Amino acid sequence: MADQITVTLKKSMITSTQKIRATLIGMGLTRVNKTVTRKDTPEFRGMLRKVQHLVVVEE
């Protein structure tokens, strides 16, 4: 696995459930097209799986 993961929010979270919104905010993704770089951990991978339909991941 890579040391860092870059994640970009590509779809709006307006119609998402409260849990998915909380996950995105916890990841630091608050606006469409916002990109964050985070450390690659099992916890972060789990968050990515929860919101995989809304984001684009680059390793």
PDB file of N, CA and C in Angstrom:
ATOM      1  N   MET A   1       0.828  -1.192   0.000  1.00  0.00           N
ATOM      2  CA  MET A   1       0.000   0.000   0.000  1.00  0.00           C
ATOM      3  C   MET A   1       0.869   1.251   0.000  1.00  0.00           C
ATOM      4  N   ALA A   2       0.339   2.299  -0.585  1.00  0.00           N
ATOM      5  CA  ALA A   2       1.056   3.565  -0.611  1.00  0.00           C
ATOM      6  C   ALA A   2       0.998   4.218   0.769  1.00  0.00           C
ATOM      7  N   ASP A   3       1.901   5.140   0.994  1.00  0.00           N
ATOM      8  CA  ASP A   3       1.962   5.834   2.276  1.00  0.00           C
ATOM      9  C   ASP A   3       0.843   6.865   2.425  1.00  0.00           C
ATOM     10  N   GLN A   4       0.460   7.502   1.316  1.00  0.00           N
ATOM     11  CA  GLN A   4      -0.578   8.535   1.329  1.00  0.00           C
ATOM     12  C   GLN A   4      -1.660   8.205   0.296  1.00  0.00           C
ATOM     13  N   ILE A   5      -2.882   8.646   0.579  1.00  0.00           N
ATOM     14  CA  ILE A   5      -3.995   8.482  -0.353  1.00  0.00           C
ATOM     15  C   ILE A   5      -4.605   9.855  -0.597  1.00  0.00           C
ATOM     16  N   THR A   6      -4.867  10.163  -1.860  1.00  0.00           N
ATOM     17  CA  THR A   6      -5.535  11.411  -2.223  1.00  0.00           C
ATOM     18  C   THR A   6      -6.970  11.082  -2.610  1.00  0.00           C
ATOM     19  N   VAL A   7      -7.915  11.781  -1.989  1.00  0.00           N
ATOM     20  CA  VAL A   7      -9.335  11.527  -2.209  1.00  0.00           C
ATOM     21  C   VAL A   7     -10.005  12.822  -2.626  1.00  0.00           C
ATOM     22  N   THR A   8     -10.852  12.756  -3.661  1.00  0.00           N
ATOM     23  CA  THR A   8     -11.588  13.912  -4.145  1.00  0.00           C
ATOM     24  C   THR A   8     -13.076  13.601  -4.112  1.00  0.00           C
ATOM     25  N   LEU A   9     -13.862  14.504  -3.544  1.00  0.00           N
ATOM     26  CA  LEU A   9     -15.313  14.352  -3.529  1.00  0.00           C
ATOM     27  C   LEU A   9     -15.847  14.775  -4.885  1.00  0.00           C
ATOM     28  N   LYS A  10     -16.492  13.860  -5.621  1.00  0.00           N
ATOM     29  CA  LYS A  10     -16.961  14.139  -6.970  1.00  0.00           C
ATOM     30  C   LYS A  10     -18.475  14.275  -7.071  1.00  0.00           C
ATOM     31  N   LYS A  11     -19.215  13.764  -6.114  1.00  0.00           N
ATOM     32  CA  LYS A  11     -20.674  13.875  -6.143  1.00  0.00           C
ATOM     33  C   LYS A  11     -21.150  14.506  -4.846  1.00  0.00           C
ATOM     34  N   SER A  12     -22.263  15.197  -4.935  1.00  0.00           N
ATOM     35  CA  SER A  12     -22.814  15.898  -3.780  1.00  0.00           C
ATOM     36  C   SER A  12     -23.301  14.921  -2.722  1.00  0.00           C
ATOM     37  N   MET A  13     -23.224  15.355  -1.463  1.00  0.00           N
ATOM     38  CA  MET A  13     -23.695  14.521  -0.366  1.00  0.00           C
ATOM     39  C   MET A  13     -25.095  14.918   0.089  1.00  0.00           C
ATOM     40  N   ILE A  14     -25.801  15.731  -0.694  1.00  0.00           N
ATOM     41  CA  ILE A  14     -27.113  16.252  -0.297  1.00  0.00           C
ATOM     42  C   ILE A  14     -28.111  15.128  -0.017  1.00  0.00           C
ATOM     43  N   THR A  15     -28.201  14.143  -0.883  1.00  0.00           N
ATOM     44  CA  THR A  15     -29.201  13.075  -0.698  1.00  0.00           C
ATOM     45  C   THR A  15     -28.679  11.890   0.105  1.00  0.00           C
ATOM     46  N   SER A  16     -27.500  12.003   0.654  1.00  0.00           N
ATOM     47  CA  SER A  16     -26.900  10.897   1.414  1.00  0.00           C
ATOM     48  C   SER A  16     -27.473  10.843   2.824  1.00  0.00           C
ATOM     49  N   THR A  17     -27.288   9.693   3.448  1.00  0.00           N
ATOM     50  CA  THR A  17     -27.751   9.526   4.825  1.00  0.00           C
ATOM     51  C   THR A  17     -26.848  10.302   5.780  1.00  0.00           C
ATOM     52  N   GLN A  18     -27.302  10.438   7.009  1.00  0.00           N
ATOM     53  CA  GLN A  18     -26.546  11.186   8.017  1.00  0.00           C
ATOM     54  C   GLN A  18     -25.203  10.515   8.317  1.00  0.00           C
ATOM     55  N   LYS A  19     -25.164   9.182   8.307  1.00  0.00           N
ATOM     56  CA  LYS A  19     -23.911   8.463   8.565  1.00  0.00           C
ATOM     57  C   LYS A  19     -22.877   8.743   7.476  1.00  0.00           C
ATOM     58  N   ILE A  20     -23.320   8.766   6.223  1.00  0.00           N
ATOM     59  CA  ILE A  20     -22.398   9.025   5.117  1.00  0.00           C
ATOM     60  C   ILE A  20     -21.912  10.464   5.166  1.00  0.00           C
ATOM     61  N   ARG A  21     -22.803  11.403   5.482  1.00  0.00           N
ATOM     62  CA  ARG A  21     -22.385  12.798   5.622  1.00  0.00           C
ATOM     63  C   ARG A  21     -21.347  12.953   6.719  1.00  0.00           C
ATOM     64  N   ALA A  22     -21.568  12.280   7.848  1.00  0.00           N
ATOM     65  CA  ALA A  22     -20.622  12.363   8.963  1.00  0.00           C
ATOM     66  C   ALA A  22     -19.269  11.761   8.575  1.00  0.00           C
ATOM     67  N   THR A  23     -19.288  10.689   7.794  1.00  0.00           N
ATOM     68  CA  THR A  23     -18.045  10.076   7.332  1.00  0.00           C
ATOM     69  C   THR A  23     -17.276  11.027   6.432  1.00  0.00           C
ATOM     70  N   LEU A  24     -17.969  11.671   5.495  1.00  0.00           N
ATOM     71  CA  LEU A  24     -17.307  12.611   4.590  1.00  0.00           C
ATOM     72  C   LEU A  24     -16.726  13.794   5.356  1.00  0.00           C
ATOM     73  N   ILE A  25     -17.460  14.327   6.299  1.00  0.00           N
ATOM     74  CA  ILE A  25     -16.956  15.448   7.099  1.00  0.00           C
ATOM     75  C   ILE A  25     -15.761  15.004   7.935  1.00  0.00           C
ATOM     76  N   GLY A  26     -15.809  13.784   8.464  1.00  0.00           N
ATOM     77  CA  GLY A  26     -14.684  13.241   9.212  1.00  0.00           C
ATOM     78  C   GLY A  26     -13.438  13.072   8.363  1.00  0.00           C
ATOM     79  N   MET A  27     -13.635  12.825   7.078  1.00  0.00           N
ATOM     80  CA  MET A  27     -12.513  12.703   6.159  1.00  0.00           C
ATOM     81  C   MET A  27     -11.997  14.065   5.711  1.00  0.00           C
ATOM     82  N   GLY A  28     -12.764  15.116   5.972  1.00  0.00           N
ATOM     83  CA  GLY A  28     -12.363  16.460   5.572  1.00  0.00           C
ATOM     84  C   GLY A  28     -12.922  16.886   4.236  1.00  0.00           C
ATOM     85  N   LEU A  29     -13.882  16.126   3.708  1.00  0.00           N
ATOM     86  CA  LEU A  29     -14.482  16.444   2.417  1.00  0.00           C
ATOM     87  C   LEU A  29     -15.809  17.163   2.650  1.00  0.00           C
ATOM     88  N   THR A  30     -15.799  18.481   2.485  1.00  0.00           N
ATOM     89  CA  THR A  30     -16.989  19.282   2.784  1.00  0.00           C
ATOM     90  C   THR A  30     -17.628  19.898   1.553  1.00  0.00           C
ATOM     91  N   ARG A  31     -16.923  19.927   0.415  1.00  0.00           N
ATOM     92  CA  ARG A  31     -17.442  20.516  -0.819  1.00  0.00           C
ATOM     93  C   ARG A  31     -17.123  19.601  -1.999  1.00  0.00           C
ATOM     94  N   VAL A  32     -17.930  19.716  -3.041  1.00  0.00           N
ATOM     95  CA  VAL A  32     -17.661  18.966  -4.265  1.00  0.00           C
ATOM     96  C   VAL A  32     -16.351  19.471  -4.867  1.00  0.00           C
ATOM     97  N   ASN A  33     -15.556  18.557  -5.382  1.00  0.00           N
ATOM     98  CA  ASN A  33     -14.232  18.802  -5.974  1.00  0.00           C
ATOM     99  C   ASN A  33     -13.155  19.172  -4.958  1.00  0.00           C
ATOM    100  N   LYS A  34     -13.426  19.037  -3.688  1.00  0.00           N
ATOM    101  CA  LYS A  34     -12.387  19.257  -2.679  1.00  0.00           C
ATOM    102  C   LYS A  34     -11.527  18.002  -2.595  1.00  0.00           C
ATOM    103  N   THR A  35     -10.222  18.198  -2.504  1.00  0.00           N
ATOM    104  CA  THR A  35      -9.271  17.092  -2.453  1.00  0.00           C
ATOM    105  C   THR A  35      -8.513  17.126  -1.139  1.00  0.00           C
ATOM    106  N   VAL A  36      -8.371  15.966  -0.522  1.00  0.00           N
ATOM    107  CA  VAL A  36      -7.582  15.841   0.701  1.00  0.00           C
ATOM    108  C   VAL A  36      -6.590  14.702   0.534  1.00  0.00           C
ATOM    109  N   THR A  37      -5.466  14.811   1.216  1.00  0.00           N
ATOM    110  CA  THR A  37      -4.459  13.752   1.240  1.00  0.00           C
ATOM    111  C   THR A  37      -4.332  13.272   2.672  1.00  0.00           C
ATOM    112  N   ARG A  38      -4.511  11.987   2.863  1.00  0.00           N
ATOM    113  CA  ARG A  38      -4.481  11.405   4.202  1.00  0.00           C
ATOM    114  C   ARG A  38      -3.555  10.190   4.218  1.00  0.00           C
ATOM    115  N   LYS A  39      -3.150   9.811   5.416  1.00  0.00           N
ATOM    116  CA  LYS A  39      -2.316   8.635   5.625  1.00  0.00           C
ATOM    117  C   LYS A  39      -3.144   7.380   5.355  1.00  0.00           C
ATOM    118  N   ASP A  40      -2.529   6.408   4.717  1.00  0.00           N
ATOM    119  CA  ASP A  40      -3.199   5.164   4.371  1.00  0.00           C
ATOM    120  C   ASP A  40      -3.228   4.240   5.584  1.00  0.00           C
ATOM    121  N   THR A  41      -4.393   4.161   6.226  1.00  0.00           N
ATOM    122  CA  THR A  41      -4.569   3.300   7.393  1.00  0.00           C
ATOM    123  C   THR A  41      -5.794   2.413   7.169  1.00  0.00           C
ATOM    124  N   PRO A  42      -5.913   1.328   7.892  1.00  0.00           N
ATOM    125  CA  PRO A  42      -7.108   0.484   7.763  1.00  0.00           C
ATOM    126  C   PRO A  42      -8.399   1.238   8.109  1.00  0.00           C
ATOM    127  N   GLU A  43      -8.319   2.152   9.068  1.00  0.00           N
ATOM    128  CA  GLU A  43      -9.494   2.934   9.446  1.00  0.00           C
ATOM    129  C   GLU A  43      -9.946   3.834   8.299  1.00  0.00           C
ATOM    130  N   PHE A  44      -8.986   4.464   7.632  1.00  0.00           N
ATOM    131  CA  PHE A  44      -9.320   5.341   6.519  1.00  0.00           C
ATOM    132  C   PHE A  44      -9.841   4.532   5.331  1.00  0.00           C
ATOM    133  N   ARG A  45      -9.291   3.344   5.108  1.00  0.00           N
ATOM    134  CA  ARG A  45      -9.782   2.471   4.034  1.00  0.00           C
ATOM    135  C   ARG A  45     -11.242   2.083   4.285  1.00  0.00           C
ATOM    136  N   GLY A  46     -11.598   1.850   5.544  1.00  0.00           N
ATOM    137  CA  GLY A  46     -12.983   1.537   5.877  1.00  0.00           C
ATOM    138  C   GLY A  46     -13.914   2.700   5.592  1.00  0.00           C
ATOM    139  N   MET A  47     -13.452   3.908   5.881  1.00  0.00           N
ATOM    140  CA  MET A  47     -14.248   5.100   5.575  1.00  0.00           C
ATOM    141  C   MET A  47     -14.423   5.235   4.064  1.00  0.00           C
ATOM    142  N   LEU A  48     -13.370   4.935   3.307  1.00  0.00           N
ATOM    143  CA  LEU A  48     -13.451   5.013   1.847  1.00  0.00           C
ATOM    144  C   LEU A  48     -14.477   4.027   1.293  1.00  0.00           C
ATOM    145  N   ARG A  49     -14.525   2.825   1.849  1.00  0.00           N
ATOM    146  CA  ARG A  49     -15.485   1.836   1.385  1.00  0.00           C
ATOM    147  C   ARG A  49     -16.915   2.310   1.607  1.00  0.00           C
ATOM    148  N   LYS A  50     -17.129   3.040   2.686  1.00  0.00           N
ATOM    149  CA  LYS A  50     -18.467   3.536   3.017  1.00  0.00           C
ATOM    150  C   LYS A  50     -18.952   4.579   2.006  1.00  0.00           C
ATOM    151  N   VAL A  51     -18.028   5.369   1.445  1.00  0.00           N
ATOM    152  CA  VAL A  51     -18.412   6.474   0.561  1.00  0.00           C
ATOM    153  C   VAL A  51     -17.846   6.312  -0.851  1.00  0.00           C
ATOM    154  N   GLN A  52     -17.531   5.101  -1.259  1.00  0.00           N
ATOM    155  CA  GLN A  52     -16.859   4.875  -2.530  1.00  0.00           C
ATOM    156  C   GLN A  52     -17.668   5.339  -3.736  1.00  0.00           C
ATOM    157  N   HIS A  53     -18.987   5.453  -3.609  1.00  0.00           N
ATOM    158  CA  HIS A  53     -19.817   5.891  -4.724  1.00  0.00           C
ATOM    159  C   HIS A  53     -19.804   7.410  -4.902  1.00  0.00           C
ATOM    160  N   LEU A  54     -19.188   8.145  -3.974  1.00  0.00           N
ATOM    161  CA  LEU A  54     -19.158   9.609  -4.041  1.00  0.00           C
ATOM    162  C   LEU A  54     -17.771  10.188  -4.303  1.00  0.00           C
ATOM    163  N   VAL A  55     -16.739   9.381  -4.191  1.00  0.00           N
ATOM    164  CA  VAL A  55     -15.371   9.893  -4.249  1.00  0.00           C
ATOM    165  C   VAL A  55     -14.540   9.235  -5.340  1.00  0.00           C
ATOM    166  N   VAL A  56     -13.410   9.881  -5.668  1.00  0.00           N
ATOM    167  CA  VAL A  56     -12.401   9.321  -6.558  1.00  0.00           C
ATOM    168  C   VAL A  56     -11.115   9.220  -5.752  1.00  0.00           C
ATOM    169  N   VAL A  57     -10.479   8.040  -5.794  1.00  0.00           N
ATOM    170  CA  VAL A  57      -9.289   7.774  -4.984  1.00  0.00           C
ATOM    171  C   VAL A  57      -8.070   7.657  -5.885  1.00  0.00           C
ATOM    172  N   GLU A  58      -6.978   8.319  -5.489  1.00  0.00           N
ATOM    173  CA  GLU A  58      -5.692   8.198  -6.171  1.00  0.00           C
ATOM    174  C   GLU A  58      -4.651   7.811  -5.145  1.00  0.00           C
ATOM    175  N   GLU A  59      -3.910   6.761  -5.439  1.00  0.00           N
ATOM    176  CA  GLU A  59      -2.885   6.326  -4.482  1.00  0.00           C
ATOM    177  C   GLU A  59      -1.543   6.895  -4.840  1.00  0.00           C
TER     178      GLU A  59
END
